[in-house]
C-alpha atoms as a PDB file:
ATOM      1  CA  UNK A   1       0.038   0.244  -0.013  1.00  0.00           C
ATOM      2  CA  UNK A   2       3.079   2.360   0.940  1.00  0.00           C
ATOM      3  CA  UNK A   3       5.410   1.015  -1.963  1.00  0.00           C
ATOM      4  CA  UNK A   4       7.722   0.236   0.646  1.00  0.00           C
ATOM      5  CA  UNK A   5      10.430  -2.440   0.029  1.00  0.00           C
ATOM      6  CA  UNK A   6      10.401  -4.525   3.348  1.00  0.00           C
ATOM      7  CA  UNK A   7      11.643  -8.365   4.394  1.00  0.00           C
ATOM      8  CA  UNK A   8       9.873 -10.009   6.949  1.00  0.00           C
ATOM      9  CA  UNK A   9      11.281 -12.408   9.409  1.00  0.00           C
ATOM     10  CA  UNK A  10       9.775 -14.448  11.909  1.00  0.00           C
ATOM     11  CA  UNK A  11      11.098 -13.386  16.274  1.00  0.00           C
ATOM     12  CA  UNK A  12      10.046 -15.600  18.964  1.00  0.00           C
ATOM     13  CA  UNK A  13       7.552 -12.911  20.619  1.00  0.00           C
ATOM     14  CA  UNK A  14       8.222  -9.584  21.612  1.00  0.00           C
ATOM     15  CA  UNK A  15      11.020 -10.163  24.177  1.00  0.00           C
ATOM     16  CA  UNK A  16      12.831 -11.145  20.643  1.00  0.00           C
ATOM     17  CA  UNK A  17      11.934  -8.277  18.726  1.00  0.00           C
ATOM     18  CA  UNK A  18      12.725  -5.234  21.085  1.00  0.00           C
ATOM     19  CA  UNK A  19      15.929  -5.891  21.780  1.00  0.00           C
ATOM     20  CA  UNK A  20      16.411  -5.861  17.904  1.00  0.00           C
ATOM     21  CA  UNK A  21      15.006  -2.942  17.220  1.00  0.00           C
ATOM     22  CA  UNK A  22      16.938  -1.205  19.686  1.00  0.00           C
ATOM     23  CA  UNK A  23      20.171  -2.425  18.664  1.00  0.00           C
ATOM     24  CA  UNK A  24      19.252  -1.874  14.973  1.00  0.00           C
ATOM     25  CA  UNK A  25      19.625  -5.109  13.882  1.00  0.00           C
ATOM     26  CA  UNK A  26      15.488  -4.824  12.911  1.00  0.00           C
ATOM     27  CA  UNK A  27      14.373  -1.118  11.525  1.00  0.00           C
ATOM     28  CA  UNK A  28      10.857  -1.898  11.837  1.00  0.00           C
ATOM     29  CA  UNK A  29       8.919  -4.040  14.054  1.00  0.00           C
ATOM     30  CA  UNK A  30       4.846  -4.375  14.523  1.00  0.00           C
ATOM     31  CA  UNK A  31       3.611  -4.584  18.158  1.00  0.00           C
ATOM     32  CA  UNK A  32       0.471  -4.239  20.405  1.00  0.00           C
ATOM     33  CA  UNK A  33      -0.046  -0.424  21.810  1.00  0.00           C
ATOM     34  CA  UNK A  34       0.767  -1.613  25.394  1.00  0.00           C
ATOM     35  CA  UNK A  35       4.340  -3.097  25.090  1.00  0.00           C
ATOM     36  CA  UNK A  36       5.082  -0.427  22.712  1.00  0.00           C
ATOM     37  CA  UNK A  37       3.804   2.639  23.937  1.00  0.00           C
ATOM     38  CA  UNK A  38       5.849   2.321  26.711  1.00  0.00           C
ATOM     39  CA  UNK A  39       8.986   1.704  24.928  1.00  0.00           C
ATOM     40  CA  UNK A  40       8.241   4.470  22.937  1.00  0.00           C
ATOM     41  CA  UNK A  41       7.301   6.971  26.619  1.00  0.00           C
ATOM     42  CA  UNK A  42      10.261   5.518  27.881  1.00  0.00           C
ATOM     43  CA  UNK A  43      12.802   6.755  25.020  1.00  0.00           C
ATOM     44  CA  UNK A  44      13.611   2.771  24.062  1.00  0.00           C
ATOM     45  CA  UNK A  45      12.834   3.286  20.947  1.00  0.00           C
ATOM     46  CA  UNK A  46      10.524   5.929  18.350  1.00  0.00           C
ATOM     47  CA  UNK A  47       6.959   5.797  17.559  1.00  0.00           C
ATOM     48  CA  UNK A  48       6.847   6.065  13.982  1.00  0.00           C
ATOM     49  CA  UNK A  49       3.704   3.706  13.316  1.00  0.00           C
ATOM     50  CA  UNK A  50       0.232   4.799  14.950  1.00  0.00           C
ATOM     51  CA  UNK A  51      -3.249   3.682  15.329  1.00  0.00           C
ATOM     52  CA  UNK A  52      -5.803   2.795  13.120  1.00  0.00           C
ATOM     53  CA  UNK A  53      -8.426   4.521  14.712  1.00  0.00           C
ATOM     54  CA  UNK A  54      -8.100   6.936  17.304  1.00  0.00           C
ATOM     55  CA  UNK A  55      -7.634   5.641  21.053  1.00  0.00           C
ATOM     56  CA  UNK A  56      -9.116   7.856  23.889  1.00  0.00           C
ATOM     57  CA  UNK A  57      -6.504   5.989  26.081  1.00  0.00           C
ATOM     58  CA  UNK A  58      -3.868   7.798  24.134  1.00  0.00           C
ATOM     59  CA  UNK A  59      -4.418  10.882  22.863  1.00  0.00           C
ATOM     60  CA  UNK A  60      -0.754  12.013  22.064  1.00  0.00           C
ATOM     61  CA  UNK A  61      -1.046   8.796  19.123  1.00  0.00           C
ATOM     62  CA  UNK A  62      -2.593   9.758  16.703  1.00  0.00           C
ATOM     63  CA  UNK A  63      -4.424   7.738  14.474  1.00  0.00           C
ATOM     64  CA  UNK A  64      -3.135   6.695  10.437  1.00  0.00           C
ATOM     65  CA  UNK A  65      -4.461   9.473   7.974  1.00  0.00           C
ATOM     66  CA  UNK A  66      -2.388   8.287   5.469  1.00  0.00           C
ATOM     67  CA  UNK A  67      -2.467   5.086   4.422  1.00  0.00           C
ATOM     68  CA  UNK A  68      -6.120   4.644   2.857  1.00  0.00           C
ATOM     69  CA  UNK A  69      -7.512   1.485   3.360  1.00  0.00           C
ATOM     70  CA  UNK A  70      -5.353   0.475   6.180  1.00  0.00           C
ATOM     71  CA  UNK A  71      -6.297  -2.206   8.322  1.00  0.00           C
ATOM     72  CA  UNK A  72      -4.489  -3.799  11.391  1.00  0.00           C
ATOM     73  CA  UNK A  73      -5.982  -7.254  12.688  1.00  0.00           C
ATOM     74  CA  UNK A  74      -4.618  -8.707  15.890  1.00  0.00           C
ATOM     75  CA  UNK A  75      -5.674 -11.946  17.188  1.00  0.00           C
ATOM     76  CA  UNK A  76      -4.490 -14.092  20.444  1.00  0.00           C
ATOM     77  CA  UNK A  77      -5.016 -17.528  21.149  1.00  0.00           C
ATOM     78  CA  UNK A  78      -4.313 -19.343  24.959  1.00  0.00           C
ATOM     79  CA  UNK A  79      -4.194 -22.782  24.717  1.00  0.00           C
ATOM     80  CA  UNK A  80      -3.716 -25.261  27.491  1.00  0.00           C
ATOM     81  CA  UNK A  81      -0.178 -27.723  27.640  1.00  0.00           C
ATOM     82  CA  UNK A  82      -0.456 -31.048  26.126  1.00  0.00           C
ATOM     83  CA  UNK A  83      -1.962 -33.356  27.707  1.00  0.00           C
ATOM     84  CA  UNK A  84      -4.513 -31.342  29.629  1.00  0.00           C
ATOM     85  CA  UNK A  85      -7.613 -32.560  30.733  1.00  0.00           C
ATOM     86  CA  UNK A  86     -10.550 -31.402  28.624  1.00  0.00           C
END
Protein backbone atom coordinates (compact mmCIF):
# COMPACT_ATOMS: atom_id res chain seq x y z
CA UNK A 1 0.00 0.00 0.00
CA UNK A 2 2.87 2.38 0.71
CA UNK A 3 5.32 0.91 -1.81
CA UNK A 4 7.86 0.36 1.01
CA UNK A 5 10.44 -2.34 0.32
CA UNK A 6 10.43 -4.62 3.39
CA UNK A 7 11.66 -8.11 4.19
CA UNK A 8 9.76 -10.03 6.86
CA UNK A 9 11.42 -12.20 9.49
CA UNK A 10 10.04 -14.44 12.21
CA UNK A 11 10.87 -13.54 15.79
CA UNK A 12 9.84 -15.35 18.93
CA UNK A 13 7.53 -12.77 20.44
CA UNK A 14 8.04 -9.15 21.32
CA UNK A 15 10.68 -10.06 23.90
CA UNK A 16 12.85 -11.16 20.99
CA UNK A 17 11.97 -8.15 18.83
CA UNK A 18 12.68 -5.19 21.13
CA UNK A 19 16.38 -5.99 21.74
CA UNK A 20 16.83 -6.28 17.98
CA UNK A 21 15.14 -2.98 17.21
CA UNK A 22 16.97 -1.19 20.04
CA UNK A 23 20.32 -2.46 18.67
CA UNK A 24 19.23 -1.55 15.08
CA UNK A 25 19.47 -5.16 13.87
CA UNK A 26 15.80 -4.76 12.90
CA UNK A 27 14.51 -1.40 11.67
CA UNK A 28 10.76 -1.91 12.06
CA UNK A 29 8.41 -4.00 14.16
CA UNK A 30 4.66 -4.24 14.43
CA UNK A 31 3.60 -4.52 18.05
CA UNK A 32 0.54 -4.17 20.20
CA UNK A 33 -0.12 -0.84 21.83
CA UNK A 34 0.66 -1.60 25.52
CA UNK A 35 4.26 -2.74 25.13
CA UNK A 36 5.08 -0.47 22.19
CA UNK A 37 3.69 2.61 23.89
CA UNK A 38 5.68 2.02 27.06
CA UNK A 39 8.89 1.56 25.07
CA UNK A 40 8.20 4.73 23.07
CA UNK A 41 7.28 6.81 26.13
CA UNK A 42 10.37 5.51 27.91
CA UNK A 43 12.56 6.73 25.04
CA UNK A 44 13.86 3.25 24.19
CA UNK A 45 12.42 3.31 20.68
CA UNK A 46 11.03 5.93 18.35
CA UNK A 47 7.32 5.87 17.69
CA UNK A 48 6.81 6.08 13.99
CA UNK A 49 3.65 4.05 13.49
CA UNK A 50 0.27 4.93 14.79
CA UNK A 51 -3.08 3.49 15.71
CA UNK A 52 -5.45 2.45 12.95
CA UNK A 53 -8.12 4.51 14.71
CA UNK A 54 -7.97 7.11 17.45
CA UNK A 55 -8.06 5.71 20.97
CA UNK A 56 -9.10 7.99 23.86
CA UNK A 57 -6.65 6.34 26.27
CA UNK A 58 -3.67 7.66 24.31
CA UNK A 59 -4.50 11.06 22.87
CA UNK A 60 -0.82 11.67 22.02
CA UNK A 61 -0.85 8.83 19.46
CA UNK A 62 -2.53 9.93 16.23
CA UNK A 63 -4.57 7.62 14.03
CA UNK A 64 -3.20 6.64 10.63
CA UNK A 65 -4.69 8.97 8.10
CA UNK A 66 -1.99 8.80 5.43
CA UNK A 67 -2.53 5.21 4.20
CA UNK A 68 -5.97 4.86 2.63
CA UNK A 69 -7.43 1.43 3.29
CA UNK A 70 -4.97 0.54 6.07
CA UNK A 71 -6.31 -2.06 8.47
CA UNK A 72 -4.62 -3.90 11.29
CA UNK A 73 -6.13 -6.96 12.92
CA UNK A 74 -4.75 -8.77 15.95
CA UNK A 75 -5.50 -12.25 17.25
CA UNK A 76 -4.69 -13.86 20.58
CA UNK A 77 -4.98 -17.50 21.51
CA UNK A 78 -4.44 -19.23 24.83
CA UNK A 79 -4.11 -22.98 24.92
CA UNK A 80 -3.45 -25.45 27.77
CA UNK A 81 -0.35 -27.60 27.80
CA UNK A 82 -0.38 -30.93 25.97
CA UNK A 83 -2.16 -33.61 27.97
CA UNK A 84 -4.32 -31.15 29.90
CA UNK A 85 -7.69 -32.61 30.84
CA UNK A 86 -10.65 -31.30 28.87
